[in-house]
Protein backbone atom coordinates (compact mmCIF):
# COMPACT_ATOMS: atom_id res chain seq x y z
CA UNK A 1 56.06 73.93 125.31
CA UNK A 2 54.77 77.32 124.29
CA UNK A 3 51.60 76.95 126.32
CA UNK A 4 53.62 76.32 129.49
CA UNK A 5 55.63 79.45 128.79
CA UNK A 6 52.51 81.53 128.38
CA UNK A 7 50.89 80.17 131.51
CA UNK A 8 53.93 80.64 133.72
CA UNK A 9 54.50 84.14 132.44
CA UNK A 10 50.94 85.10 133.22
CA UNK A 11 51.15 83.58 136.71
CA UNK A 12 54.42 85.23 137.60
CA UNK A 13 53.19 88.54 136.26
CA UNK A 14 49.96 88.14 138.24
CA UNK A 15 49.32 86.40 141.53
CA UNK A 16 52.33 84.11 142.04
CA UNK A 17 54.12 86.62 144.26
CA UNK A 18 55.49 84.06 146.73
CA UNK A 19 56.98 81.97 143.92
CA UNK A 20 58.56 85.07 142.49
CA UNK A 21 59.96 85.96 145.90
CA UNK A 22 61.44 82.47 146.26
CA UNK A 23 63.06 82.71 142.86
CA UNK A 24 64.43 86.22 143.04
CA UNK A 25 64.41 87.21 146.69
CA UNK A 26 62.61 90.42 145.83
CA UNK A 27 59.38 91.85 144.43
CA UNK A 28 58.84 93.10 140.92
CA UNK A 29 57.09 96.43 140.74
CA UNK A 30 56.75 96.62 136.97
CA UNK A 31 57.03 94.20 134.10
CA UNK A 32 58.55 95.58 130.92
CA UNK A 33 57.26 94.44 127.55
CA UNK A 34 60.59 94.28 125.73
CA UNK A 35 61.71 92.45 122.62
CA UNK A 36 65.51 92.43 122.48
CA UNK A 37 66.94 93.87 119.25
CA UNK A 38 68.56 91.47 116.83
CA UNK A 39 72.16 92.22 115.84
CA UNK A 40 72.59 91.78 112.10
CA UNK A 41 75.76 90.40 110.53
CA UNK A 42 77.36 89.56 113.87
CA UNK A 43 80.87 88.94 112.54
CA UNK A 44 83.91 88.27 114.69
CA UNK A 45 87.27 89.69 113.75
CA UNK A 46 89.18 86.43 114.26
CA UNK A 47 88.09 83.04 115.50
CA UNK A 48 90.60 80.20 115.50
CA UNK A 49 90.86 76.64 116.74
CA UNK A 50 93.89 75.98 118.94
CA UNK A 51 96.16 72.98 118.83
CA UNK A 52 94.34 71.38 121.72
CA UNK A 53 90.96 71.78 120.02
CA UNK A 54 89.84 74.90 121.86
CA UNK A 55 88.45 78.07 120.32
CA UNK A 56 89.99 81.49 120.65
CA UNK A 57 88.26 84.71 119.67
CA UNK A 58 90.40 87.76 119.03
CA UNK A 59 88.66 91.10 118.59
CA UNK A 60 90.64 94.10 117.38
CA UNK A 61 89.66 97.51 118.72
CA UNK A 62 91.08 100.92 117.86
CA UNK A 63 88.81 103.13 119.97
CA UNK A 64 87.29 103.03 123.45
CA UNK A 65 83.81 101.54 123.10
CA UNK A 66 81.62 101.58 126.22
CA UNK A 67 79.49 98.77 124.76
CA UNK A 68 82.44 96.42 124.34
CA UNK A 69 81.42 94.04 127.18
CA UNK A 70 77.95 93.64 125.68
CA UNK A 71 79.39 93.01 122.23
CA UNK A 72 81.81 90.41 123.56
CA UNK A 73 79.02 88.65 125.44
CA UNK A 74 76.96 88.52 122.25
CA UNK A 75 79.92 87.12 120.33
CA UNK A 76 80.58 84.56 123.04
CA UNK A 77 77.01 83.26 123.04
CA UNK A 78 76.90 83.26 119.25
CA UNK A 79 80.01 81.07 119.10
CA UNK A 80 78.56 78.77 121.76
CA UNK A 81 75.38 78.30 119.73
CA UNK A 82 77.28 77.66 116.52
CA UNK A 83 80.07 75.41 117.78
CA UNK A 84 78.74 74.09 121.08
CA UNK A 85 81.80 75.47 122.87
CA UNK A 86 82.71 78.70 124.60
CA UNK A 87 85.73 80.52 123.16
CA UNK A 88 88.57 82.12 125.04
CA UNK A 89 88.15 85.79 124.26
CA UNK A 90 90.69 88.58 123.93
CA UNK A 91 90.18 92.20 122.95
CA UNK A 92 93.38 93.60 121.51
CA UNK A 93 93.37 97.39 121.87
CA UNK A 94 95.48 99.18 119.29
CA UNK A 95 94.22 102.75 119.66
CA UNK A 96 96.26 105.86 120.39
CA UNK A 97 94.18 107.11 123.34
CA UNK A 98 94.68 105.49 126.76
CA UNK A 99 92.72 102.28 127.23
CA UNK A 100 89.55 102.98 129.23
CA UNK A 101 87.27 100.03 128.41
CA UNK A 102 85.93 97.53 130.92
CA UNK A 103 86.57 93.83 130.40
CA UNK A 104 83.59 92.39 132.22
CA UNK A 105 79.86 92.45 132.82
CA UNK A 106 78.99 92.11 136.49
CA UNK A 107 75.69 92.11 138.36
CA UNK A 108 74.05 90.21 141.22
CA UNK A 109 73.87 86.87 139.41
CA UNK A 110 75.98 87.66 136.36
CA UNK A 111 79.71 87.58 135.79
CA UNK A 112 81.11 87.62 132.27
CA UNK A 113 84.76 88.40 131.68
CA UNK A 114 87.34 88.36 128.90
CA UNK A 115 90.95 89.45 128.52
CA UNK A 116 91.74 93.01 127.50
CA UNK A 117 95.24 93.65 126.18
CA UNK A 118 96.71 97.02 125.24
CA UNK A 119 99.17 96.24 122.45
CA UNK A 120 101.57 98.81 123.91
CA UNK A 121 102.14 96.41 126.80
CA UNK A 122 103.72 93.97 124.34
CA UNK A 123 107.49 94.27 123.93
CA UNK A 124 107.91 95.83 120.49
CA UNK A 125 111.68 95.36 120.47
CA UNK A 126 111.13 91.63 120.74
CA UNK A 127 108.79 91.77 117.74
CA UNK A 128 111.44 93.69 115.80
CA UNK A 129 113.89 90.85 116.44
CA UNK A 130 111.50 88.28 114.96
CA UNK A 131 112.32 86.66 111.64
CA UNK A 132 108.70 87.15 110.53
CA UNK A 133 108.11 90.46 108.79
CA UNK A 134 104.53 90.38 110.05
CA UNK A 135 105.84 90.66 113.62
CA UNK A 136 108.13 93.47 112.53
CA UNK A 137 105.24 95.47 111.06
CA UNK A 138 103.03 94.95 114.12
CA UNK A 139 105.89 96.18 116.29
CA UNK A 140 105.07 99.74 115.19
CA UNK A 141 101.99 99.56 117.45
CA UNK A 142 103.66 97.87 120.41
CA UNK A 143 105.83 99.23 123.21
CA UNK A 144 109.06 100.57 121.75
CA UNK A 145 112.05 102.43 123.15
CA UNK A 146 112.54 104.41 119.93
CA UNK A 147 109.76 104.55 117.35
CA UNK A 148 111.79 106.28 114.63
CA UNK A 149 114.60 103.76 114.90
CA UNK A 150 112.01 100.99 114.79
CA UNK A 151 110.53 102.41 111.58
CA UNK A 152 113.99 102.47 110.00
CA UNK A 153 114.54 98.81 110.90
CA UNK A 154 111.11 97.77 109.62
CA UNK A 155 111.45 99.59 106.30
CA UNK A 156 114.95 98.16 105.81
CA UNK A 157 113.62 94.68 106.48
CA UNK A 158 110.77 95.18 104.01
CA UNK A 159 113.22 96.46 101.38
CA UNK A 160 114.95 93.09 101.50
CA UNK A 161 111.80 91.19 100.53
CA UNK A 162 111.06 90.36 96.91
CA UNK A 163 107.87 90.57 94.88
CA UNK A 164 104.30 90.97 96.08
CA UNK A 165 105.18 90.28 99.71
CA UNK A 166 107.24 93.46 99.82
CA UNK A 167 104.39 95.58 98.45
CA UNK A 168 101.90 94.02 100.83
CA UNK A 169 104.13 94.49 103.88
CA UNK A 170 104.76 98.14 103.00
CA UNK A 171 101.06 98.81 102.53
CA UNK A 172 100.35 97.23 105.91
CA UNK A 173 103.04 99.35 107.56
CA UNK A 174 101.59 102.53 106.04
CA UNK A 175 98.14 101.68 107.34
CA UNK A 176 99.28 100.82 110.87
CA UNK A 177 101.52 103.88 110.99
CA UNK A 178 98.35 105.97 110.89
CA UNK A 179 97.38 104.65 114.30
CA UNK A 180 100.59 106.07 115.78
CA UNK A 181 100.88 109.22 113.64
CA UNK A 182 104.05 107.87 112.03
CA UNK A 183 103.05 108.09 108.36
CA UNK A 184 105.57 110.83 107.57
CA UNK A 185 108.35 108.88 109.26
CA UNK A 186 107.53 105.80 107.18
CA UNK A 187 107.42 107.86 103.98
CA UNK A 188 110.76 109.50 104.79
CA UNK A 189 112.47 106.18 105.38
CA UNK A 190 110.86 104.65 102.30
CA UNK A 191 112.45 107.34 100.13
CA UNK A 192 115.86 106.07 101.18
CA UNK A 193 115.05 102.57 99.96
CA UNK A 194 114.40 101.20 96.46
CA UNK A 195 110.89 100.19 97.48
CA UNK A 196 109.37 103.65 97.11
CA UNK A 197 109.56 103.63 93.32
CA UNK A 198 107.93 100.19 93.22
CA UNK A 199 105.10 101.33 95.48
CA UNK A 200 104.46 104.57 93.57
CA UNK A 201 104.14 102.60 90.33
CA UNK A 202 101.86 99.96 91.86
CA UNK A 203 98.27 100.21 90.59
CA UNK A 204 96.68 99.89 94.04
CA UNK A 205 99.38 101.01 96.49
CA UNK A 206 100.67 103.94 94.44
CA UNK A 207 97.59 106.14 94.92
CA UNK A 208 97.48 105.20 98.61
CA UNK A 209 101.10 106.22 99.14
CA UNK A 210 100.78 109.48 97.23
CA UNK A 211 97.56 110.43 99.00
CA UNK A 212 99.10 109.78 102.39
CA UNK A 213 102.04 111.96 101.46
CA UNK A 214 99.75 114.75 100.22
CA UNK A 215 97.28 114.83 103.07
CA UNK A 216 99.66 114.07 105.92
CA UNK A 217 98.71 113.13 109.45
CA UNK A 218 95.32 114.87 109.49
CA UNK A 219 94.07 112.77 106.63
CA UNK A 220 95.46 109.65 108.27
CA UNK A 221 93.45 110.30 111.42
CA UNK A 222 90.28 110.96 109.42
CA UNK A 223 90.75 107.76 107.41
CA UNK A 224 91.33 105.80 110.60
CA UNK A 225 88.08 107.05 112.11
CA UNK A 226 86.25 106.32 108.85
CA UNK A 227 87.59 102.77 108.74
CA UNK A 228 86.51 102.10 112.32
CA UNK A 229 83.04 103.54 111.76
CA UNK A 230 82.45 101.61 108.55
CA UNK A 231 83.41 98.42 110.34
CA UNK A 232 81.02 99.10 113.23
CA UNK A 233 78.15 99.95 110.87
CA UNK A 234 78.69 96.80 108.83
CA UNK A 235 78.57 94.69 111.98
CA UNK A 236 75.36 96.43 113.05
CA UNK A 237 73.44 96.83 109.79
CA UNK A 238 75.24 94.80 107.15
CA UNK A 239 76.90 95.89 103.92
CA UNK A 240 77.00 99.66 103.38
CA UNK A 241 75.07 101.01 100.37
CA UNK A 242 76.80 103.42 98.02
CA UNK A 243 74.94 106.49 99.32
CA UNK A 244 76.05 105.75 102.89
CA UNK A 245 79.71 105.33 101.89
CA UNK A 246 79.63 108.64 100.03
CA UNK A 247 78.04 110.44 102.96
CA UNK A 248 80.54 109.02 105.46
CA UNK A 249 83.50 109.95 103.27
CA UNK A 250 82.44 113.60 103.34
CA UNK A 251 82.24 113.86 107.15
CA UNK A 252 84.80 115.46 109.45
CA UNK A 253 86.83 113.51 112.01
CA UNK A 254 84.75 114.95 114.85
CA UNK A 255 81.49 113.93 113.17
CA UNK A 256 82.83 110.42 112.53
CA UNK A 257 83.77 110.07 116.21
CA UNK A 258 80.24 111.11 117.25
CA UNK A 259 78.68 108.55 114.92
CA UNK A 260 80.96 105.81 116.29
CA UNK A 261 79.49 106.44 119.73
CA UNK A 262 75.91 106.30 118.42
CA UNK A 263 76.12 103.38 115.99
CA UNK A 264 75.05 100.63 118.39
CA UNK A 265 72.12 102.66 119.73
CA UNK A 266 70.65 103.53 116.33
CA UNK A 267 67.76 101.33 115.17
CA UNK A 268 68.56 101.72 111.47
CA UNK A 269 71.20 103.05 109.11
CA UNK A 270 68.82 105.82 108.04
CA UNK A 271 68.37 106.93 111.64
CA UNK A 272 72.16 106.95 112.22
CA UNK A 273 72.99 109.02 109.14
CA UNK A 274 69.94 111.29 108.96
């Protein structure tokens, strides 16, 4: 098969101009010698099989990424190769800035599209009414009439949970609160509940809670940017070495934002962080 490929390529690049015109309806003025880059560690956020046997791909996004359509197309084709089926795809946007990303790739003979959902379009009050504490916690990102009242309800609900589930739910709420600049509100409400003492004494969550209280909103924003960037780099280049983690941790929020925009264009981790 390879010999046919080589022959046809040479013909189409050379004298087979009429064939090329029939195929494309136009003339090619220059052939580009391009080898497409390979994306390392192409890992989806969530891929599930539905009750009817279909596949659904959910990608979580906290910043506006101009390359999102290309990434989603790569994910889609990767799933197709692996499972022999195309997934339904949804990008769930959870960022603070207004949603500005496209949800399709479109050209003369190309149309690729997926769903793009801003989580603020979801009714947060309905999530607050759910019996599942996971819904309650996610409500902090959704559309709400009163965010402070919502935080009070969520913290009160978490306070009524026993054991490890309570600690986990509170940690999740603290993390998500950073996306809406509500860390101080969560901390204030937690002080009114018996859960604060438990969290402060917890080996893992205690330092997280105290650090959030000490650094405030500015630190929360910086940590959010760092988390997003680390995730992008890992998808692009694989597991981060220790030196890279240390260098990223020392960067400002502005510098982290700049790197997030460059990560998919860089050819190597060294080039990105030089």
